[in-house]
Structure formats: C-alpha cells, structure tokens
C-alpha cells in the first residue's frame, strides 16, 4: 500500500477564524482544557444538588479554580521533570514559554493531588471524598486533551500499516504511516474510564459509603490503559530500563493505586450525606413534627 492511500494530517491547531497571528489565537488544546473544567463544574453542581456531594453547589467554581492551578502547574513542571529535565536545566526560562507546548499527565495528577489536599484542609472537607468527586469527571478532560493532541498532530504513534494509519508531517523523516495513538488514548483513558467512573459514582455506593475507593479504581484503570496505549505510541523521550517513560511512570501509578485500594479497604463503611440531603432530612423531620402537633 502506498503513502497516497493514507490520510495525511493537515489540521490546524487553531480554532477556525480565531487565529490572530502566526502564534496567537484560540487553540484547540486550550479550548479542550476550558471545556473539561466547565464540564467538571457542571458535574460538581449536579452531584451536590442530587445529594451525593459534600461540596456545596455554590463552591463548584471555587473548587475548579484550585483544580485548574494544580493541573496546570503540575502538568507543566511534570513535562520538564519527567521528560525534558535537560532542557529545563539548560534553559530555565523555557518553563514559562507555554506557547511552545509541554504538559505531562502524570505531573498533572501530582499537582492535582496537592491542590486537593490543600483545598480539603482549607474547607474542612474529607480529602478522600474530594478525590472521588474529581476522578469521577476527570477522564472527560483526558479525553478532550487527547483529541486536541491529535488535532495538533503531536504525540503520534509508532509506524503502522493498518488502514486507519495517519501520516503526520511533523513526525521524524522519512514520512511513514503511524498509529493515531492520540485517539486510542482518547477512547480508553477518556471515554472508557469516564463511563466506568460515572457508573460507579451514580450506580454504586462507592462514594457515599466507601470514600477513596473510586479514586483507587481510577488510578489502577488509568495506569492499565496507559500502559496498553504506550504499545502504539512513539516514545517522546529516552527509554528507562527499556520502557517508554509513560509506561515506566504508569507502573508506579498502578502500584500506588493498588496500595491505595488496600489502605481505604480497611476503613469502616460510612454514610456521607451532603448538605442538601441533610437540609432535606431536617425539613422532613420538621414537617413530621408539625403534623404530630396537629394530630
């Protein structure tokens, strides 16, 4: 099969009609982050109104601001520490040239965890409950981010001869068809994990009776699908012990997820009632009391 039989990537990283200069405009990658955080705020508000969250609905956007800071700072630092430490040591100012790209999902997770810990202490909310809320909707952002990676023509896959292989002009020469691994990750790290976490959140007692368990399930699930997807993705840094860095870091994430599940499993079951649920109970009790008085 010749190269002409494959689709050549030619998508612009900018949203149509919103590119102002060669390097300035509204990028799909940035829009993906915005949509992910907006979706997160909507979910936090909905879960609070449904009586499944200790985070009040009017605190959703405050919480989102904290998550944004954690993900952006952690993801940016992680991209250099985990993948391009030499570049950072040689040119420290490259850390601030965000228009050149560079975010690492594992670094984003670390930054997110720190932000959650800080917010939980400040608002006096259970840390494990907040982590469960976050991972229930987190895969949405992962899915949108991977789709943006594909639009940008970055983080391409390994050479392939499958019918759906893509020619990425920015990939190393010679130009060969490659797996669209970004879309594999969007489907597995994003859509599949989102379906699983949402099902656990709404159709199980994980969050209300077993705080932290959903977080452990997410950590294990993400690590497994990331390791699988790395089989099709071209390594974007030197290997570690013969493994791509994404696989190497995911192994530690898998072990952390298993350890997390073992620890939270020892915690006795609890019943978490949201402020909305408590108010509803109080109103019911008050109504019943008045009815008793009338009788």
Protein backbone atom coordinates (compact mmCIF):
# COMPACT_ATOMS: atom_id res chain seq x y z
CA UNK A 1 0.00 0.00 0.00
CA UNK A 2 1.48 3.38 -0.98
CA UNK A 3 1.62 6.53 1.12
CA UNK A 4 -1.09 8.06 -1.06
CA UNK A 5 -3.53 5.52 0.39
CA UNK A 6 -3.21 7.06 3.86
CA UNK A 7 -4.75 10.26 5.18
CA UNK A 8 -2.20 12.99 5.79
CA UNK A 9 -2.73 15.11 8.86
CA UNK A 10 -3.33 18.74 7.94
CA UNK A 11 -5.48 20.05 10.78
CA UNK A 12 -4.76 23.48 12.24
CA UNK A 13 -4.10 23.78 15.99
CA UNK A 14 -6.22 26.94 15.98
CA UNK A 15 -10.00 27.16 16.07
CA UNK A 16 -11.21 28.37 12.63
CA UNK A 17 -11.48 32.17 12.31
CA UNK A 18 -9.89 32.66 15.76
CA UNK A 19 -6.22 32.77 14.75
CA UNK A 20 -4.97 36.36 15.01
CA UNK A 21 -1.26 35.97 14.23
CA UNK A 22 1.04 33.13 13.35
CA UNK A 23 1.38 32.10 17.01
CA UNK A 24 -1.54 33.83 18.70
CA UNK A 25 -5.14 32.69 18.65
CA UNK A 26 -7.62 30.33 20.28
CA UNK A 27 -6.09 26.85 20.16
CA UNK A 28 -7.99 23.59 20.29
CA UNK A 29 -5.69 22.46 23.11
CA UNK A 30 -6.62 25.42 25.28
CA UNK A 31 -10.30 25.02 24.40
CA UNK A 32 -10.09 21.37 25.49
CA UNK A 33 -8.94 22.45 28.95
CA UNK A 34 -11.70 25.06 29.18
CA UNK A 35 -14.42 22.57 28.18
CA UNK A 36 -13.03 19.99 30.58
CA UNK A 37 -13.15 22.35 33.54
CA UNK A 38 -16.60 23.67 32.58
CA UNK A 39 -17.82 20.07 32.43
CA UNK A 40 -16.27 19.49 35.83
CA UNK A 41 -18.06 22.49 37.36
CA UNK A 42 -21.37 21.29 35.92
CA UNK A 43 -20.81 17.83 37.38
CA UNK A 44 -19.92 19.18 40.83
CA UNK A 45 -23.07 21.31 40.89
CA UNK A 46 -25.25 18.45 39.69
CA UNK A 47 -23.83 15.97 42.21
CA UNK A 48 -24.37 18.47 45.03
CA UNK A 49 -27.99 19.07 44.05
CA UNK A 50 -28.51 15.29 43.80
CA UNK A 51 -27.35 14.88 47.39
CA UNK A 52 -24.20 12.95 46.52
CA UNK A 53 -21.55 15.53 47.34
CA UNK A 54 -20.28 17.31 50.43
CA UNK A 55 -19.06 20.11 48.17
CA UNK A 56 -21.82 22.71 48.08
CA UNK A 57 -23.09 23.68 44.62
CA UNK A 58 -22.08 27.32 45.11
CA UNK A 59 -18.49 26.21 45.78
CA UNK A 60 -18.11 24.38 42.46
CA UNK A 61 -16.30 27.17 40.64
CA UNK A 62 -14.02 27.92 43.60
CA UNK A 63 -13.07 24.25 43.57
CA UNK A 64 -12.48 24.36 39.81
CA UNK A 65 -10.06 27.29 40.17
CA UNK A 66 -7.99 25.25 42.62
CA UNK A 67 -8.04 22.22 40.31
CA UNK A 68 -7.00 24.37 37.34
CA UNK A 69 -3.99 25.66 39.26
CA UNK A 70 -2.98 22.18 40.37
CA UNK A 71 -3.30 20.61 36.92
CA UNK A 72 -1.61 23.42 35.02
CA UNK A 73 1.33 23.88 37.39
CA UNK A 74 1.81 20.15 37.96
CA UNK A 75 1.42 19.29 34.29
CA UNK A 76 3.87 21.96 33.17
CA UNK A 77 6.52 21.08 35.75
CA UNK A 78 6.00 17.39 35.10
CA UNK A 79 6.62 17.75 31.37
CA UNK A 80 10.12 19.01 32.11
CA UNK A 81 10.98 16.94 35.19
CA UNK A 82 9.74 13.65 33.71
CA UNK A 83 10.56 14.17 30.03
CA UNK A 84 12.85 17.13 29.38
CA UNK A 85 14.86 17.79 32.53
CA UNK A 86 17.98 18.55 30.49
CA UNK A 87 16.17 21.30 28.58
CA UNK A 88 15.00 22.86 31.84
CA UNK A 89 18.50 22.86 33.34
CA UNK A 90 19.98 24.29 30.15
CA UNK A 91 17.26 26.91 29.64
CA UNK A 92 15.16 27.52 32.81
CA UNK A 93 13.07 30.19 31.07
CA UNK A 94 11.66 27.54 28.73
CA UNK A 95 9.36 26.61 31.61
CA UNK A 96 7.45 29.85 31.07
CA UNK A 97 7.19 29.65 27.27
CA UNK A 98 3.82 27.94 27.45
CA UNK A 99 3.02 28.73 23.81
CA UNK A 100 5.63 26.13 22.85
CA UNK A 101 3.52 23.42 24.48
CA UNK A 102 4.51 20.84 27.04
CA UNK A 103 2.19 19.17 29.58
CA UNK A 104 2.54 15.78 31.29
CA UNK A 105 -0.50 13.89 32.57
CA UNK A 106 1.43 12.23 35.41
CA UNK A 107 2.69 15.63 36.55
CA UNK A 108 -0.86 16.95 36.34
CA UNK A 109 -2.04 14.16 38.65
CA UNK A 110 0.59 15.08 41.24
CA UNK A 111 -0.28 18.77 41.06
CA UNK A 112 -3.97 17.87 41.30
CA UNK A 113 -3.40 15.75 44.42
CA UNK A 114 -1.57 18.60 46.14
CA UNK A 115 -4.32 21.05 45.21
CA UNK A 116 -6.99 18.67 46.54
CA UNK A 117 -5.13 18.20 49.82
CA UNK A 118 -4.81 21.96 50.26
CA UNK A 119 -8.48 22.61 49.46
CA UNK A 120 -9.68 19.82 51.73
CA UNK A 121 -7.76 21.27 54.68
CA UNK A 122 -8.89 24.82 53.95
CA UNK A 123 -12.57 23.93 53.58
CA UNK A 124 -12.51 21.16 56.21
CA UNK A 125 -13.85 18.59 53.80
CA UNK A 126 -12.85 14.90 53.62
CA UNK A 127 -9.86 14.55 51.30
CA UNK A 128 -10.93 11.13 50.03
CA UNK A 129 -14.39 12.43 49.17
CA UNK A 130 -12.92 15.24 47.10
CA UNK A 131 -10.59 12.87 45.25
CA UNK A 132 -13.57 10.64 44.41
CA UNK A 133 -15.52 13.60 43.06
CA UNK A 134 -12.58 14.68 40.93
CA UNK A 135 -11.76 11.31 39.35
CA UNK A 136 -15.45 10.74 38.58
CA UNK A 137 -15.29 13.51 35.96
CA UNK A 138 -11.53 13.73 35.37
CA UNK A 139 -11.50 11.39 32.33
CA UNK A 140 -13.56 13.97 30.45
CA UNK A 141 -10.58 16.31 30.48
CA UNK A 142 -8.24 13.50 29.50
CA UNK A 143 -10.42 12.63 26.51
CA UNK A 144 -10.65 16.22 25.28
CA UNK A 145 -6.92 16.72 25.78
CA UNK A 146 -6.02 13.65 23.70
CA UNK A 147 -8.36 14.76 20.92
CA UNK A 148 -6.55 18.11 20.97
CA UNK A 149 -3.22 16.25 20.76
CA UNK A 150 -4.46 14.59 17.58
CA UNK A 151 -5.62 17.90 16.10
CA UNK A 152 -2.20 19.37 16.90
CA UNK A 153 -0.51 16.44 15.15
CA UNK A 154 1.67 15.73 18.20
CA UNK A 155 2.40 12.66 20.33
CA UNK A 156 1.94 10.45 17.29
CA UNK A 157 2.05 6.68 17.31
CA UNK A 158 4.52 4.11 16.06
CA UNK A 159 4.77 3.20 12.36
CA UNK A 160 1.84 1.04 11.24
CA UNK A 161 0.22 -0.45 8.17
CA UNK A 162 -3.35 -0.57 9.49
CA UNK A 163 -5.98 1.00 7.18
CA UNK A 164 -6.63 3.86 9.62
CA UNK A 165 -2.96 4.84 9.97
CA UNK A 166 -2.17 8.54 9.54
CA UNK A 167 0.72 10.47 8.00
CA UNK A 168 1.91 13.09 10.50
CA UNK A 169 4.07 15.70 8.70
CA UNK A 170 5.75 16.71 11.98
CA UNK A 171 6.92 13.16 12.71
CA UNK A 172 10.57 12.16 12.06
CA UNK A 173 11.70 11.66 8.49
CA UNK A 174 11.09 9.53 6.47
CA UNK A 175 7.36 10.12 6.49
CA UNK A 176 5.60 6.84 7.23
CA UNK A 177 2.03 5.94 8.29
CA UNK A 178 1.61 5.84 12.06
CA UNK A 179 -0.95 4.76 14.61
CA UNK A 180 -3.25 7.66 15.64
CA UNK A 181 -2.39 6.74 19.23
CA UNK A 182 -3.86 10.02 20.48
CA UNK A 183 -7.31 8.74 19.51
CA UNK A 184 -6.65 5.37 21.15
CA UNK A 185 -5.87 7.24 24.36
CA UNK A 186 -8.92 9.46 23.98
CA UNK A 187 -11.10 6.35 23.70
CA UNK A 188 -9.53 4.38 26.56
CA UNK A 189 -8.09 6.93 29.00
CA UNK A 190 -11.03 9.21 28.32
CA UNK A 191 -14.31 7.72 27.14
CA UNK A 192 -13.92 4.25 28.67
CA UNK A 193 -12.70 5.49 32.05
CA UNK A 194 -15.36 8.21 32.09
CA UNK A 195 -18.10 5.63 31.56
CA UNK A 196 -16.66 3.48 34.36
CA UNK A 197 -16.21 6.27 36.92
CA UNK A 198 -19.62 7.77 36.19
CA UNK A 199 -21.29 4.37 36.52
CA UNK A 200 -19.54 3.80 39.85
CA UNK A 201 -20.48 7.28 41.04
CA UNK A 202 -24.17 7.18 40.17
CA UNK A 203 -24.99 3.46 40.33
CA UNK A 204 -22.95 2.24 43.29
CA UNK A 205 -22.30 3.17 46.93
CA UNK A 206 -18.59 3.74 46.33
CA UNK A 207 -18.56 7.45 47.02
CA UNK A 208 -21.16 7.62 49.78
CA UNK A 209 -20.14 4.53 51.79
CA UNK A 210 -16.54 3.81 50.78
CA UNK A 211 -14.66 7.13 50.36
CA UNK A 212 -11.46 6.75 48.35
CA UNK A 213 -12.35 3.51 46.64
CA UNK A 214 -13.34 5.18 43.38
CA UNK A 215 -10.02 7.04 43.38
CA UNK A 216 -8.15 3.75 43.67
CA UNK A 217 -10.18 2.24 40.84
CA UNK A 218 -9.33 5.22 38.65
CA UNK A 219 -5.61 5.06 39.41
CA UNK A 220 -5.45 1.36 38.57
CA UNK A 221 -7.66 1.75 35.49
CA UNK A 222 -5.72 4.71 34.11
CA UNK A 223 -2.37 3.00 34.65
CA UNK A 224 -3.51 -0.15 32.83
CA UNK A 225 -4.97 1.60 29.79
CA UNK A 226 -2.00 3.98 29.59
CA UNK A 227 0.43 1.05 29.60
CA UNK A 228 -1.63 -0.56 26.83
CA UNK A 229 -1.75 2.61 24.75
CA UNK A 230 2.01 3.06 25.10
CA UNK A 231 2.39 -0.07 22.95
CA UNK A 232 1.20 2.02 19.99
CA UNK A 233 2.71 5.40 20.89
CA UNK A 234 6.12 6.58 19.72
CA UNK A 235 8.27 7.31 22.81
CA UNK A 236 8.82 11.06 23.12
CA UNK A 237 11.90 10.76 25.35
CA UNK A 238 14.70 8.31 26.10
CA UNK A 239 13.64 4.92 27.42
CA UNK A 240 14.03 3.94 31.07
CA UNK A 241 15.00 0.31 31.64
CA UNK A 242 13.76 -0.44 28.15
CA UNK A 243 10.34 1.09 28.85
CA UNK A 244 8.82 4.27 27.50
CA UNK A 245 8.53 6.93 30.16
CA UNK A 246 4.76 6.81 30.01
CA UNK A 247 4.87 3.08 30.79
CA UNK A 248 7.55 3.49 33.45
CA UNK A 249 5.63 6.15 35.37
CA UNK A 250 2.35 4.27 34.92
CA UNK A 251 3.82 1.19 36.63
CA UNK A 252 4.35 3.30 39.76
CA UNK A 253 0.85 4.70 39.37
CA UNK A 254 -0.52 1.15 39.17
CA UNK A 255 1.31 0.15 42.35
CA UNK A 256 0.10 3.33 44.07
CA UNK A 257 -3.48 2.59 43.02
CA UNK A 258 -3.31 -0.97 44.37
CA UNK A 259 -1.80 0.26 47.65
CA UNK A 260 -4.48 2.97 47.83
CA UNK A 261 -7.26 0.39 47.47
CA UNK A 262 -5.73 -1.83 50.15
CA UNK A 263 -5.50 1.08 52.59
CA UNK A 264 -9.00 2.50 52.07
CA UNK A 265 -10.47 -1.01 52.18
CA UNK A 266 -9.51 -1.16 55.86
CA UNK A 267 -11.60 1.91 56.61
CA UNK A 268 -15.02 1.07 58.05
CA UNK A 269 -18.03 1.88 55.82
CA UNK A 270 -19.50 5.34 56.36
CA UNK A 271 -22.59 7.15 55.16
CA UNK A 272 -21.83 10.54 53.63
CA UNK A 273 -24.76 12.91 53.46
CA UNK A 274 -24.46 16.11 51.50
CA UNK A 275 -25.61 19.49 52.91
CA UNK A 276 -28.57 19.28 50.53
CA UNK A 277 -29.51 15.85 51.84
CA UNK A 278 -29.17 16.98 55.44
CA UNK A 279 -31.38 20.01 54.79
CA UNK A 280 -33.97 17.77 53.15
CA UNK A 281 -33.92 15.45 56.17
CA UNK A 282 -34.28 18.38 58.52
CA UNK A 283 -37.27 19.71 56.57
CA UNK A 284 -38.88 16.26 56.63
CA UNK A 285 -38.39 15.98 60.38
CA UNK A 286 -39.80 19.45 60.91
CA UNK A 287 -42.84 18.67 58.76
CA UNK A 288 -43.44 15.42 60.62
CA UNK A 289 -43.16 17.21 63.95
CA UNK A 290 -45.76 19.79 62.92
CA UNK A 291 -48.10 17.07 61.73
CA UNK A 292 -47.74 15.30 65.09
CA UNK A 293 -48.57 18.50 66.88
CA UNK A 294 -51.73 18.94 64.77
CA UNK A 295 -52.79 15.39 65.50
